[in-house]
Amino acid sequence: MSRGLPLLVAFIALRPLTGCAAVDSISALEKAAATRPAAGIMDNSFLVEEAYNQEPGVVQHILNVAHSVTRHRGPDDREWDFAFTQEWPFLSQTHQLSFTLPYALVESGGRSQDGINDISLHYRYQVLLETERTPAFAPSFSLILPTGNAANGFGDDTVGYQINLPLSKIVSDRWTLHANAGVTYLPDVGGHDLVSYNLAASAIYAVTPTFNLMLEAVSNFDDAVNDFDRTERSVSAVISPGARYAFNHSNDAQTVIGIAVPIGITSDAPDYGIFLYASFEHFFFRPKSIVAEK
């Protein structure tokens, strides 16, 4: 995946219920949001991975578009990163399978190149559902496939592995917090084994059940092989204020759109950028429990 802005993919924030910390339908989510605005939008973080899997029968399609600018005395470096992600529950909400298809367009030194980056396959296990006192916790494992053209700077020409440990908690009727820590291992990149780390956190305020203000912070500590065949580490940190809005449809589907303005706070990060988000979530089948409710 691109080493520009991370495209990792908020969560189901629900009022805790006796014996159950989540709901099984978007209609039920709307009912919860009527008394707790933070429950109005689910699974829609921008840069910080959340800790809630997809509910049974519900699939989510996500498109991220990130544009970043790094200023120089000569022509500025500009990068467009596109990522399409699909998230599916597997058998139950306990298990989730997903994939990310990335594409990048890079302008550097007055020249431009574009191509597919390394595709990622993800598995996430719901260890904890949120309760009144306990956060949601859903560790994930990703397999990074060498689909990009490493010679042109797209990917690393090796099979990689990534682990993330996201936590999510609704802390009041309007506030939600997320945190994530991860590690990426890329073996035999130019004869070197690369180990990189990522840390992220976010705070989300629900102005209304369908309109949220967001503040995300992400730091990447990336290993790479330099021109002298040595490994070096860059520290790329950004802070990203943004907002998102949800459209709830009559067929229990939900569309969420959002925008953010990532700002680099370390020398290795892009100076500034813009991040666009779009998600569509719907039932691909209705579990018997939901049909019975209707």
Protein backbone atom coordinates (compact mmCIF):
# COMPACT_ATOMS: atom_id res chain seq x y z
CA MET A 1 0.00 0.00 0.00
CA SER A 2 1.08 3.58 -0.50
CA ARG A 3 3.36 5.07 2.16
CA GLY A 4 1.64 8.46 1.78
CA LEU A 5 -1.52 8.96 3.77
CA PRO A 6 -2.64 5.74 5.51
CA LEU A 7 -5.89 4.42 4.12
CA LEU A 8 -6.94 2.21 6.84
CA VAL A 9 -10.04 1.73 7.20
CA ALA A 10 -15.70 4.48 13.05
CA PHE A 11 -17.62 1.66 14.34
CA ILE A 12 -21.06 0.63 15.73
CA ALA A 13 -21.39 2.95 18.69
CA LEU A 14 -24.41 1.73 20.58
CA ARG A 15 -26.04 2.25 23.93
CA PRO A 16 -25.18 -0.92 25.89
CA LEU A 17 -28.01 -3.44 26.17
CA THR A 18 -28.35 -6.26 28.68
CA GLY A 19 -26.50 -9.30 27.32
CA CYS A 20 -25.83 -7.63 23.95
CA ALA A 21 -23.54 -4.78 22.95
CA ALA A 22 -24.55 -4.40 19.31
CA VAL A 23 -27.63 -4.48 17.12
CA ASP A 24 -28.37 -6.52 14.01
CA SER A 25 -29.93 -3.97 11.69
CA ILE A 26 -29.57 -0.40 10.52
CA SER A 27 -33.18 0.24 11.58
CA ALA A 28 -32.29 -0.71 15.16
CA LEU A 29 -29.27 1.56 14.93
CA GLU A 30 -31.51 4.49 14.03
CA LYS A 31 -33.69 3.78 17.07
CA ALA A 32 -30.62 3.79 19.33
CA ALA A 33 -29.41 7.04 17.74
CA ALA A 34 -32.67 8.77 18.62
CA THR A 35 -31.56 8.87 22.25
CA ARG A 36 -27.79 8.65 21.71
CA PRO A 37 -26.53 10.68 18.70
CA ALA A 38 -23.13 8.93 18.71
CA ALA A 39 -24.94 5.76 17.57
CA GLY A 40 -26.09 7.33 14.31
CA ILE A 41 -23.08 6.52 12.10
CA MET A 42 -21.20 3.21 12.09
CA ASP A 43 -17.98 1.81 10.59
CA ASN A 44 -16.92 5.08 9.03
CA SER A 45 -13.50 6.15 10.30
CA PHE A 46 -11.20 7.78 7.75
CA LEU A 47 -7.59 7.15 8.81
CA VAL A 48 -7.98 5.23 12.09
CA GLU A 49 -9.08 1.59 12.12
CA GLU A 50 -12.10 1.01 14.36
CA ALA A 51 -12.87 -2.10 16.45
CA TYR A 52 -16.31 -3.14 15.19
CA ASN A 53 -16.94 -5.88 12.66
CA GLN A 54 -19.78 -5.93 10.16
CA GLU A 55 -23.11 -7.20 11.45
CA PRO A 56 -24.57 -10.47 10.09
CA GLY A 57 -25.95 -9.97 6.59
CA VAL A 58 -24.47 -6.48 6.07
CA VAL A 59 -21.71 -5.62 3.57
CA GLN A 60 -19.88 -2.30 3.34
CA HIS A 61 -18.27 -0.73 0.26
CA ILE A 62 -15.75 2.04 0.96
CA LEU A 63 -13.94 4.42 -1.40
CA ASN A 64 -11.13 6.65 -0.11
CA VAL A 65 -9.45 9.36 -2.17
CA ALA A 66 -6.45 11.16 -0.68
CA HIS A 67 -4.49 14.00 -2.29
CA SER A 68 -1.27 15.11 -0.61
CA VAL A 69 1.23 17.87 -1.37
CA THR A 70 4.88 18.08 -0.29
CA ARG A 71 6.40 21.48 -0.94
CA HIS A 72 9.85 21.97 -2.46
CA ARG A 73 11.84 24.88 -3.86
CA GLY A 74 11.21 23.45 -7.31
CA PRO A 75 8.00 21.68 -8.38
CA ASP A 76 5.99 20.36 -5.46
CA ASP A 77 5.51 16.61 -5.06
CA ARG A 78 1.87 15.62 -5.39
CA GLU A 79 0.24 12.25 -4.83
CA TRP A 80 -3.25 10.88 -5.40
CA ASP A 81 -4.13 7.68 -3.54
CA PHE A 82 -7.32 5.78 -4.31
CA ALA A 83 -8.43 2.78 -2.26
CA PHE A 84 -11.53 0.61 -2.58
CA THR A 85 -12.35 -1.63 0.39
CA GLN A 86 -15.11 -4.17 0.88
CA GLU A 87 -15.96 -5.61 4.31
CA TRP A 88 -17.97 -8.83 4.79
CA PRO A 89 -19.07 -10.66 7.94
CA PHE A 90 -18.02 -14.33 7.87
CA LEU A 91 -20.59 -16.64 9.50
CA SER A 92 -21.20 -14.11 12.30
CA GLN A 93 -20.07 -10.71 13.56
CA THR A 94 -17.17 -12.45 15.32
CA HIS A 95 -15.28 -12.86 12.05
CA GLN A 96 -14.83 -10.31 9.26
CA LEU A 97 -13.11 -10.65 5.89
CA SER A 98 -12.18 -7.69 3.70
CA PHE A 99 -9.83 -6.55 0.95
CA THR A 100 -8.29 -3.26 -0.14
CA LEU A 101 -7.48 -2.40 -3.76
CA PRO A 102 -5.11 0.63 -3.93
CA TYR A 103 -4.14 2.79 -6.89
CA ALA A 104 -1.71 5.72 -6.86
CA LEU A 105 -0.74 8.65 -9.09
CA VAL A 106 2.53 10.32 -8.11
CA GLU A 107 4.02 13.56 -9.47
CA SER A 108 7.61 14.11 -8.36
CA GLY A 109 10.42 16.18 -9.83
CA GLY A 110 8.22 17.25 -12.70
CA ARG A 111 7.47 13.66 -13.73
CA SER A 112 4.39 11.54 -13.06
CA GLN A 113 3.78 7.82 -12.69
CA ASP A 114 0.72 5.82 -11.80
CA GLY A 115 -0.18 2.24 -11.09
CA ILE A 116 -1.77 -0.35 -8.83
CA ASN A 117 -0.17 -0.62 -5.41
CA ASP A 118 0.09 -3.74 -3.24
CA ILE A 119 -3.33 -5.29 -2.55
CA SER A 120 -4.19 -6.25 1.04
CA LEU A 121 -6.41 -9.06 2.34
CA HIS A 122 -7.71 -8.62 5.90
CA TYR A 123 -9.17 -10.78 8.65
CA ARG A 124 -10.53 -9.22 11.86
CA TYR A 125 -11.64 -11.06 14.99
CA GLN A 126 -14.15 -9.47 17.36
CA VAL A 127 -12.64 -10.30 20.75
CA LEU A 128 -14.76 -7.85 22.74
CA LEU A 129 -18.02 -6.11 21.96
CA GLU A 130 -18.54 -2.80 23.69
CA THR A 131 -20.33 -2.72 27.03
CA GLU A 132 -20.97 0.13 29.43
CA ARG A 133 -17.47 -0.27 30.91
CA THR A 134 -15.55 -2.27 28.30
CA PRO A 135 -14.31 -0.99 24.92
CA ALA A 136 -14.68 -2.94 21.72
CA PHE A 137 -11.51 -4.79 20.73
CA ALA A 138 -10.98 -6.44 17.33
CA PRO A 139 -7.41 -7.45 16.36
CA SER A 140 -6.81 -7.76 12.64
CA PHE A 141 -4.29 -9.57 10.45
CA SER A 142 -3.51 -8.46 6.90
CA LEU A 143 -1.70 -10.22 4.09
CA ILE A 144 0.00 -7.77 1.70
CA LEU A 145 0.34 -9.11 -1.83
CA PRO A 146 3.12 -7.92 -4.22
CA THR A 147 0.78 -6.68 -6.96
CA GLY A 148 2.42 -3.29 -7.44
CA ASN A 149 5.30 -2.37 -9.71
CA ALA A 150 8.09 -1.93 -7.17
CA ALA A 151 10.50 -0.64 -9.85
CA ASN A 152 8.21 2.39 -10.26
CA GLY A 153 7.77 2.87 -6.52
CA PHE A 154 4.43 1.06 -6.17
CA GLY A 155 4.77 -1.68 -3.57
CA ASP A 156 7.71 -3.63 -2.21
CA ASP A 157 7.85 -6.77 -4.39
CA THR A 158 7.36 -9.12 -1.44
CA VAL A 159 4.57 -10.77 0.54
CA GLY A 160 4.07 -8.73 3.71
CA TYR A 161 2.20 -9.14 6.98
CA GLN A 162 0.46 -6.61 9.19
CA ILE A 163 -1.18 -6.79 12.62
CA ASN A 164 -3.41 -4.05 14.06
CA LEU A 165 -4.91 -3.77 17.54
CA PRO A 166 -7.86 -1.34 17.41
CA LEU A 167 -9.93 -0.25 20.41
CA SER A 168 -13.21 1.70 20.23
CA LYS A 169 -15.44 3.16 22.96
CA ILE A 170 -18.44 5.42 23.07
CA VAL A 171 -17.75 7.56 26.14
CA SER A 172 -20.86 9.74 26.23
CA ASP A 173 -24.03 10.35 24.23
CA ARG A 174 -22.08 12.42 21.71
CA TRP A 175 -18.40 11.41 22.00
CA THR A 176 -16.62 8.36 20.56
CA LEU A 177 -12.91 7.52 20.93
CA HIS A 178 -10.76 5.16 18.84
CA ALA A 179 -7.15 4.03 19.18
CA ASN A 180 -4.99 1.67 17.14
CA ALA A 181 -1.44 0.30 17.18
CA GLY A 182 0.07 -1.89 14.50
CA VAL A 183 3.18 -3.44 13.04
CA THR A 184 4.06 -4.35 9.45
CA TYR A 185 6.71 -6.89 8.44
CA LEU A 186 8.10 -6.95 4.89
CA PRO A 187 10.72 -9.70 4.40
CA ASP A 188 13.53 -9.56 1.87
CA VAL A 189 13.04 -6.08 0.42
CA GLY A 190 16.28 -5.51 -1.47
CA GLY A 191 17.93 -8.04 0.82
CA HIS A 192 16.59 -6.41 4.00
CA ASP A 193 13.74 -7.33 6.35
CA LEU A 194 11.72 -4.21 7.08
CA VAL A 195 9.67 -3.65 10.22
CA SER A 196 7.38 -0.61 10.45
CA TYR A 197 4.99 0.60 13.14
CA ASN A 198 1.84 2.70 13.20
CA LEU A 199 -0.02 4.51 15.99
CA ALA A 200 -3.37 6.29 15.62
CA ALA A 201 -6.15 7.84 17.67
CA SER A 202 -9.32 9.80 17.00
CA ALA A 203 -12.14 11.66 18.74
CA ILE A 204 -15.56 12.00 17.11
CA TYR A 205 -18.32 14.37 18.18
CA ALA A 206 -21.89 13.73 17.05
CA VAL A 207 -23.49 17.11 16.38
CA THR A 208 -26.58 15.18 15.27
CA PRO A 209 -27.14 11.45 14.65
CA THR A 210 -26.24 12.02 10.98
CA PHE A 211 -23.53 14.72 11.20
CA ASN A 212 -20.19 14.21 12.99
CA LEU A 213 -17.08 16.29 13.53
CA MET A 214 -13.83 14.30 13.61
CA LEU A 215 -10.22 14.76 14.69
CA GLU A 216 -7.77 12.00 13.77
CA ALA A 217 -4.02 11.70 14.41
CA VAL A 218 -1.81 9.09 12.73
CA SER A 219 1.92 8.36 13.02
CA ASN A 220 3.83 5.91 10.81
CA PHE A 221 7.38 4.76 11.63
CA ASP A 222 8.40 3.24 8.31
CA ASP A 223 11.52 1.28 7.41
CA ALA A 224 12.80 1.58 3.82
CA VAL A 225 15.91 0.77 1.81
CA ASN A 226 17.77 3.91 0.68
CA ASP A 227 19.97 4.51 -2.36
CA PHE A 228 23.01 3.29 -0.44
CA ASP A 229 21.43 -0.14 0.19
CA ARG A 230 20.90 0.64 3.86
CA THR A 231 17.71 0.71 5.89
CA GLU A 232 16.46 4.01 7.21
CA ARG A 233 13.39 4.97 9.20
CA SER A 234 11.05 7.85 8.45
CA VAL A 235 8.52 9.27 10.88
CA SER A 236 5.38 10.52 9.17
CA ALA A 237 2.77 12.08 11.45
CA VAL A 238 -0.41 13.89 10.43
CA ILE A 239 -3.32 15.45 12.24
CA SER A 240 -6.58 15.46 10.31
CA PRO A 241 -9.73 17.44 11.18
CA GLY A 242 -12.80 16.39 9.23
CA ALA A 243 -16.54 15.83 9.08
CA ARG A 244 -18.96 13.18 7.84
CA TYR A 245 -22.66 12.99 7.03
CA ALA A 246 -24.96 9.97 6.79
CA PHE A 247 -27.98 9.38 4.57
CA ASN A 248 -30.26 6.66 5.96
CA HIS A 249 -32.33 4.98 3.25
CA SER A 250 -35.75 3.39 3.58
CA ASN A 251 -34.41 -0.08 2.69
CA ASP A 252 -32.14 -0.19 5.77
CA ALA A 253 -29.12 0.93 3.75
CA GLN A 254 -26.83 3.80 4.68
CA THR A 255 -24.60 6.11 2.66
CA VAL A 256 -21.90 8.12 4.42
CA ILE A 257 -19.79 10.84 2.81
CA GLY A 258 -16.96 12.74 4.44
CA ILE A 259 -14.08 15.14 3.98
CA ALA A 260 -10.91 15.82 5.98
CA VAL A 261 -7.82 18.01 5.72
CA PRO A 262 -4.69 16.09 6.79
CA ILE A 263 -1.82 18.34 7.91
CA GLY A 264 1.74 17.03 8.23
CA ILE A 265 3.47 17.69 11.57
CA THR A 266 6.81 15.97 10.88
CA SER A 267 9.33 16.59 8.11
CA ASP A 268 8.72 13.15 6.54
CA ALA A 269 4.98 13.73 6.21
CA PRO A 270 3.27 15.53 3.31
CA ASP A 271 2.71 19.20 4.13
CA TYR A 272 -1.03 19.16 3.57
CA GLY A 273 -3.75 17.39 1.66
CA ILE A 274 -7.42 16.61 1.31
CA PHE A 275 -9.18 13.34 2.06
CA LEU A 276 -12.54 12.32 0.56
CA TYR A 277 -14.61 9.42 1.85
CA ALA A 278 -17.68 7.57 0.58
CA SER A 279 -19.33 4.44 1.97
CA PHE A 280 -22.42 2.43 1.11
CA GLU A 281 -23.68 -0.23 3.52
CA HIS A 282 -26.59 -2.61 2.89
CA PHE A 283 -27.98 -6.07 3.57
CA PHE A 284 -26.97 -8.84 1.20
CA PHE A 285 -29.24 -11.17 3.18
CA ARG A 286 -31.43 -10.72 6.24
CA PRO A 287 -30.89 -13.03 9.21
CA LYS A 288 -34.04 -14.71 10.52
CA SER A 289 -33.94 -12.63 13.70
CA ILE A 290 -34.22 -9.40 11.68
CA VAL A 291 -36.95 -10.75 9.42
CA ALA A 292 -38.91 -11.74 12.52
CA GLU A 293 -38.58 -8.18 13.89
CA LYS A 294 -40.14 -6.78 10.74
